[in-house]
């Protein structure tokens, strides 16, 4: 197994920061956000080594990994795993990837 380099798009990184900031404010503590961020990193490491474990999406070459209430949208090649979006599945908006 060769681990791919993990590359976050600006959009996905902003979404991650917003999710973590929400939980810091909501819980008045960083504890849950730190645990969630660690879980995200561990999941991405697993995906970098085994990118086919995510399910196919309606978008060609884009796969989805479910992580609790979040969807990680990603694509990959032989050297890199690109995180396209970190989506809270409880959101009401319709468009996830543009």
N, C-alpha and C. Protein backbone atom coordinates (compact mmCIF):
# COMPACT_ATOMS: atom_id res chain seq x y z
N UNK A 1 0.83 -1.19 0.00
CA UNK A 1 0.00 0.00 0.00
C UNK A 1 0.87 1.25 0.00
N UNK A 2 0.61 2.10 -0.93
CA UNK A 2 1.33 3.36 -1.01
C UNK A 2 0.37 4.48 -0.65
N UNK A 3 0.74 5.27 0.33
CA UNK A 3 -0.11 6.38 0.73
C UNK A 3 0.08 7.55 -0.23
N UNK A 4 -1.02 8.09 -0.67
CA UNK A 4 -0.99 9.26 -1.54
C UNK A 4 -0.86 10.52 -0.70
N UNK A 5 -0.32 11.56 -1.28
CA UNK A 5 -0.27 12.86 -0.63
C UNK A 5 -1.72 13.37 -0.55
N UNK A 6 -2.10 13.92 0.60
CA UNK A 6 -3.46 14.44 0.79
C UNK A 6 -3.45 15.94 0.53
N UNK A 7 -4.27 16.37 -0.42
CA UNK A 7 -4.35 17.78 -0.79
C UNK A 7 -5.78 18.26 -0.60
N UNK A 8 -5.94 19.30 0.19
CA UNK A 8 -7.26 19.90 0.43
C UNK A 8 -7.49 21.04 -0.56
N UNK A 9 -8.69 21.08 -1.15
CA UNK A 9 -9.04 22.28 -1.92
C UNK A 9 -9.32 23.39 -0.92
N UNK A 10 -9.27 24.63 -1.37
CA UNK A 10 -9.58 25.77 -0.49
C UNK A 10 -10.98 25.63 0.08
N UNK A 11 -11.91 25.22 -0.77
CA UNK A 11 -13.31 25.06 -0.36
C UNK A 11 -13.43 24.03 0.75
N UNK A 12 -12.82 22.88 0.57
CA UNK A 12 -12.91 21.80 1.57
C UNK A 12 -12.24 22.22 2.88
N UNK A 13 -11.11 22.87 2.80
CA UNK A 13 -10.41 23.30 4.00
C UNK A 13 -11.24 24.34 4.76
N UNK A 14 -11.89 25.25 4.04
CA UNK A 14 -12.75 26.24 4.67
C UNK A 14 -13.94 25.55 5.34
N UNK A 15 -14.52 24.57 4.68
CA UNK A 15 -15.63 23.82 5.26
C UNK A 15 -15.20 23.12 6.55
N UNK A 16 -14.02 22.53 6.54
CA UNK A 16 -13.49 21.86 7.75
C UNK A 16 -13.33 22.85 8.89
N UNK A 17 -12.75 24.00 8.58
CA UNK A 17 -12.55 25.03 9.62
C UNK A 17 -13.88 25.51 10.17
N UNK A 18 -14.87 25.69 9.30
CA UNK A 18 -16.19 26.15 9.74
C UNK A 18 -16.87 25.11 10.64
N UNK A 19 -16.75 23.84 10.27
CA UNK A 19 -17.34 22.76 11.08
C UNK A 19 -16.67 22.72 12.46
N UNK A 20 -15.36 22.77 12.49
CA UNK A 20 -14.65 22.71 13.76
C UNK A 20 -14.95 23.94 14.62
N UNK A 21 -15.02 25.11 14.00
CA UNK A 21 -15.35 26.34 14.74
C UNK A 21 -16.77 26.28 15.29
N UNK A 22 -17.69 25.72 14.52
CA UNK A 22 -19.07 25.58 14.99
C UNK A 22 -19.10 24.75 16.28
N UNK A 23 -18.40 23.63 16.30
CA UNK A 23 -18.43 22.75 17.47
C UNK A 23 -17.71 23.38 18.66
N UNK A 24 -16.68 24.17 18.42
CA UNK A 24 -16.01 24.88 19.52
C UNK A 24 -16.99 25.85 20.16
N UNK A 25 -17.70 26.60 19.33
CA UNK A 25 -18.67 27.57 19.86
C UNK A 25 -19.86 26.86 20.50
N UNK A 26 -20.38 25.85 19.83
CA UNK A 26 -21.56 25.14 20.33
C UNK A 26 -21.29 24.47 21.68
N UNK A 27 -20.13 23.84 21.83
CA UNK A 27 -19.80 23.12 23.06
C UNK A 27 -19.03 23.95 24.08
N UNK A 28 -18.63 25.17 23.67
CA UNK A 28 -17.79 26.02 24.53
C UNK A 28 -16.53 25.27 24.97
N UNK A 29 -16.02 24.46 24.05
CA UNK A 29 -14.83 23.66 24.33
C UNK A 29 -14.22 23.20 23.01
N UNK A 30 -12.91 22.99 23.02
CA UNK A 30 -12.23 22.49 21.82
C UNK A 30 -12.16 20.96 21.79
N UNK A 31 -12.57 20.31 22.85
CA UNK A 31 -12.39 18.86 22.97
C UNK A 31 -13.00 18.08 21.81
N UNK A 32 -14.28 18.32 21.52
CA UNK A 32 -14.93 17.57 20.45
C UNK A 32 -14.30 17.90 19.10
N UNK A 33 -14.00 19.17 18.86
CA UNK A 33 -13.40 19.56 17.59
C UNK A 33 -12.05 18.90 17.38
N UNK A 34 -11.26 18.79 18.43
CA UNK A 34 -9.97 18.11 18.31
C UNK A 34 -10.16 16.64 17.97
N UNK A 35 -11.13 15.99 18.62
CA UNK A 35 -11.40 14.58 18.33
C UNK A 35 -11.91 14.40 16.91
N UNK A 36 -12.81 15.29 16.47
CA UNK A 36 -13.36 15.21 15.12
C UNK A 36 -12.27 15.43 14.08
N UNK A 37 -11.42 16.42 14.30
CA UNK A 37 -10.33 16.69 13.36
C UNK A 37 -9.39 15.49 13.27
N UNK A 38 -9.11 14.85 14.41
CA UNK A 38 -8.26 13.65 14.41
C UNK A 38 -8.92 12.53 13.60
N UNK A 39 -10.22 12.36 13.77
CA UNK A 39 -10.96 11.34 13.04
C UNK A 39 -10.95 11.62 11.53
N UNK A 40 -11.09 12.88 11.16
CA UNK A 40 -11.03 13.27 9.75
C UNK A 40 -9.66 12.92 9.18
N UNK A 41 -8.60 13.28 9.90
CA UNK A 41 -7.24 12.99 9.43
C UNK A 41 -6.99 11.49 9.30
N UNK A 42 -7.46 10.71 10.27
CA UNK A 42 -7.28 9.26 10.22
C UNK A 42 -8.04 8.66 9.03
N UNK A 43 -9.24 9.17 8.78
CA UNK A 43 -10.04 8.69 7.65
C UNK A 43 -9.36 9.03 6.33
N UNK A 44 -8.83 10.24 6.23
CA UNK A 44 -8.13 10.62 5.00
C UNK A 44 -6.86 9.80 4.79
N UNK A 45 -6.18 9.47 5.86
CA UNK A 45 -5.00 8.61 5.74
C UNK A 45 -5.40 7.25 5.20
N UNK A 46 -6.48 6.70 5.73
CA UNK A 46 -7.00 5.42 5.25
C UNK A 46 -7.38 5.52 3.77
N UNK A 47 -8.04 6.61 3.39
CA UNK A 47 -8.42 6.80 1.98
C UNK A 47 -7.19 6.96 1.09
N UNK A 48 -6.15 7.61 1.60
CA UNK A 48 -4.94 7.80 0.79
C UNK A 48 -4.29 6.47 0.45
N UNK A 49 -4.50 5.48 1.32
CA UNK A 49 -3.93 4.15 1.10
C UNK A 49 -4.90 3.22 0.36
N UNK A 50 -6.21 3.46 0.54
CA UNK A 50 -7.26 2.60 -0.02
C UNK A 50 -8.37 3.47 -0.61
N UNK A 51 -8.12 4.19 -1.68
CA UNK A 51 -9.09 5.17 -2.16
C UNK A 51 -10.39 4.58 -2.71
N UNK A 52 -10.40 3.31 -3.01
CA UNK A 52 -11.61 2.72 -3.57
C UNK A 52 -12.64 2.32 -2.51
N UNK A 53 -12.33 2.52 -1.23
CA UNK A 53 -13.30 2.14 -0.20
C UNK A 53 -14.47 3.10 -0.13
N UNK A 54 -14.30 4.31 -0.65
CA UNK A 54 -15.43 5.24 -0.72
C UNK A 54 -16.35 4.83 -1.86
N UNK A 55 -17.62 5.19 -1.74
CA UNK A 55 -18.56 4.81 -2.80
C UNK A 55 -18.51 5.81 -3.95
N UNK A 56 -18.89 5.34 -5.12
CA UNK A 56 -18.93 6.21 -6.29
C UNK A 56 -20.03 7.25 -6.11
N UNK A 57 -19.82 8.43 -6.68
CA UNK A 57 -20.84 9.48 -6.64
C UNK A 57 -21.44 9.63 -8.03
N UNK A 58 -22.34 10.57 -8.18
CA UNK A 58 -22.93 10.86 -9.48
C UNK A 58 -21.96 11.61 -10.38
N UNK A 59 -20.84 12.07 -9.81
CA UNK A 59 -19.84 12.81 -10.58
C UNK A 59 -18.72 11.86 -10.96
N UNK A 60 -18.36 11.87 -12.22
CA UNK A 60 -17.30 10.99 -12.70
C UNK A 60 -16.00 11.26 -11.95
N UNK A 61 -15.35 10.23 -11.48
CA UNK A 61 -14.06 10.28 -10.78
C UNK A 61 -14.15 10.86 -9.37
N UNK A 62 -15.35 11.10 -8.86
CA UNK A 62 -15.51 11.61 -7.50
C UNK A 62 -16.12 10.51 -6.65
N UNK A 63 -15.50 10.28 -5.50
CA UNK A 63 -15.99 9.26 -4.57
C UNK A 63 -16.39 9.93 -3.26
N UNK A 64 -17.16 9.20 -2.45
CA UNK A 64 -17.68 9.73 -1.20
C UNK A 64 -17.36 8.74 -0.07
N UNK A 65 -16.86 9.27 1.02
CA UNK A 65 -16.67 8.47 2.23
C UNK A 65 -17.54 9.08 3.33
N UNK A 66 -18.37 8.25 3.94
CA UNK A 66 -19.23 8.72 5.03
C UNK A 66 -18.43 8.65 6.32
N UNK A 67 -18.47 9.74 7.07
CA UNK A 67 -17.78 9.84 8.36
C UNK A 67 -18.75 10.48 9.34
N UNK A 68 -19.43 9.66 10.11
CA UNK A 68 -20.47 10.12 11.03
C UNK A 68 -21.54 10.89 10.26
N UNK A 69 -21.72 12.18 10.60
CA UNK A 69 -22.72 13.01 9.92
C UNK A 69 -22.13 13.78 8.74
N UNK A 70 -20.93 13.42 8.32
CA UNK A 70 -20.23 14.17 7.28
C UNK A 70 -19.96 13.29 6.07
N UNK A 71 -19.89 13.93 4.93
CA UNK A 71 -19.53 13.26 3.68
C UNK A 71 -18.23 13.88 3.20
N UNK A 72 -17.26 13.04 2.93
CA UNK A 72 -15.99 13.51 2.37
C UNK A 72 -16.04 13.20 0.88
N UNK A 73 -16.03 14.23 0.06
CA UNK A 73 -15.99 14.07 -1.39
C UNK A 73 -14.53 14.19 -1.81
N UNK A 74 -14.07 13.24 -2.61
CA UNK A 74 -12.66 13.24 -2.99
C UNK A 74 -12.47 12.60 -4.36
N UNK A 75 -11.33 12.89 -4.91
CA UNK A 75 -10.87 12.23 -6.13
C UNK A 75 -9.39 11.91 -5.91
N UNK A 76 -8.81 11.14 -6.79
CA UNK A 76 -7.42 10.74 -6.57
C UNK A 76 -6.76 10.33 -7.87
N UNK A 77 -5.45 10.33 -7.82
CA UNK A 77 -4.65 9.73 -8.88
C UNK A 77 -3.59 8.86 -8.20
N UNK A 78 -2.59 8.44 -8.90
CA UNK A 78 -1.59 7.54 -8.32
C UNK A 78 -0.76 8.17 -7.20
N UNK A 79 -0.65 9.51 -7.22
CA UNK A 79 0.19 10.17 -6.24
C UNK A 79 -0.54 11.00 -5.20
N UNK A 80 -1.77 11.47 -5.53
CA UNK A 80 -2.47 12.37 -4.63
C UNK A 80 -3.93 12.00 -4.42
N UNK A 81 -4.42 12.35 -3.23
CA UNK A 81 -5.83 12.27 -2.91
C UNK A 81 -6.28 13.71 -2.70
N UNK A 82 -7.28 14.14 -3.46
CA UNK A 82 -7.76 15.52 -3.39
C UNK A 82 -9.08 15.56 -2.64
N UNK A 83 -9.09 16.28 -1.52
CA UNK A 83 -10.32 16.45 -0.75
C UNK A 83 -11.07 17.62 -1.38
N UNK A 84 -12.24 17.32 -1.95
CA UNK A 84 -13.01 18.33 -2.67
C UNK A 84 -14.00 19.06 -1.78
N UNK A 85 -14.60 18.33 -0.83
CA UNK A 85 -15.60 18.93 0.04
C UNK A 85 -15.76 18.08 1.28
N UNK A 86 -16.01 18.74 2.40
CA UNK A 86 -16.37 18.09 3.64
C UNK A 86 -17.76 18.60 3.97
N UNK A 87 -18.74 17.76 3.75
CA UNK A 87 -20.13 18.19 3.74
C UNK A 87 -20.87 17.66 4.96
N UNK A 88 -21.53 18.55 5.69
CA UNK A 88 -22.37 18.14 6.80
C UNK A 88 -23.67 17.62 6.21
N UNK A 89 -23.95 16.35 6.38
CA UNK A 89 -25.13 15.74 5.73
C UNK A 89 -26.44 16.28 6.29
N UNK A 90 -26.39 17.04 7.36
CA UNK A 90 -27.60 17.64 7.93
C UNK A 90 -27.95 18.97 7.28
N UNK A 91 -27.08 19.47 6.41
CA UNK A 91 -27.35 20.73 5.69
C UNK A 91 -28.55 20.59 4.79
N UNK A 92 -29.20 21.71 4.53
CA UNK A 92 -30.39 21.68 3.69
C UNK A 92 -30.11 22.09 2.25
N UNK A 93 -28.95 22.70 2.01
CA UNK A 93 -28.62 23.13 0.65
C UNK A 93 -28.55 21.93 -0.29
N UNK A 94 -28.87 22.17 -1.55
CA UNK A 94 -28.93 21.10 -2.54
C UNK A 94 -27.59 20.86 -3.25
N UNK A 95 -26.85 21.92 -3.52
CA UNK A 95 -25.61 21.76 -4.30
C UNK A 95 -24.43 21.50 -3.39
N UNK A 96 -23.79 20.39 -3.62
CA UNK A 96 -22.64 20.02 -2.82
C UNK A 96 -21.35 20.35 -3.57
N UNK A 97 -21.25 19.90 -4.79
CA UNK A 97 -20.07 20.15 -5.62
C UNK A 97 -20.50 20.90 -6.86
N UNK A 98 -19.74 21.92 -7.19
CA UNK A 98 -20.04 22.67 -8.41
C UNK A 98 -18.98 22.42 -9.43
